[in-house]
Amino acid sequence: FVPPGQSVVIGSPQPIVALTGDDVILPCRLEPVIRDFSGTWTREDLDPEFVHVHQGGRLVVQEQNPQYKNRTVLFVDELKNGNVSLKLFRVTISDEGRYRCFIPSIGRGDFIQLHVGESRAPSLNISSDINCESKGWYPEPELFWLDAEGKLLSAGAPETVRGPDGLYTVSSRVTVEKSHSNSFTCRVEQSKIQQTRQTQIHVSGGKTLLSSLSSCAFWLLSLLCVNGDAIKSVSHKSVFPPVVTKLQ
């Protein structure tokens, strides 16, 4: 209870939150204002407990806890208006705690709780899943991944499914790390019928370019190449170039 006509110190009813490295203001005001008063900020869990001592119009450095050296300031020009708020620079985790704004001349103060957190930008491992699927094969084909230099890329075992028409669909997915080249080839082969189909994916400047290539062998007059598509004769079904999709 404060008798009428006497001053009261008002802090913040809500905790003040800051991130490490930020500057923060701990609010405190004196109402009504009195003339020529001094203000003291303390933390009871520290030794010495003084965060900022303002007397005679200046900071009393000798009493300040070394943890706060050159990191605190009052708004001196606002003291005449009752503003006793403390500005704390370059907040650290160790600054978290309960602060007291105290006016010695009236023997009153108030508490302000400071919560300090740390927030960092997330660290990203950039990678993409590239999926390759090729349909309409017989006999069962093999699938390989190649880099820009034609070297084999490590990938999981291809998945092969035989449809009701007796033809095979083969698919595989490779995870491409940032360290890899930006050109990848999915190659599907069937050596028994001397067939190779491949599709290349090239990523540059955010764009994805696809190109399909065929390698046809005239084997017992059963294969014919027309515009990059293989058309089989009487005893063979058509074989399509593999389809490559980039999965985000």
Foldseek 3Di string as FASTA:
>chain_A
DDDPPDKAKDWDPDAAEEEAQAKDKGWIFIPPADPQWWKWKFAPVDVVGTCWTGHPRDTPVVSHDPVQPPFKDAPSVCVRRGTGMIMGGRDDQVPFHKMWIATVVRGHIDIHGYHYHYDDDDDDFDKWKKKKKWWFDPPDKAKFKAAPVRDTDDFDHWDWDQDPVRIIMIMTIDIGGPPGAQKMKIWIDDVVQGWIKMKMWGDDPNDIDIDIAIDHDCDPVQWDDDPRWIPGPDVGHTTDHMDMDIGD
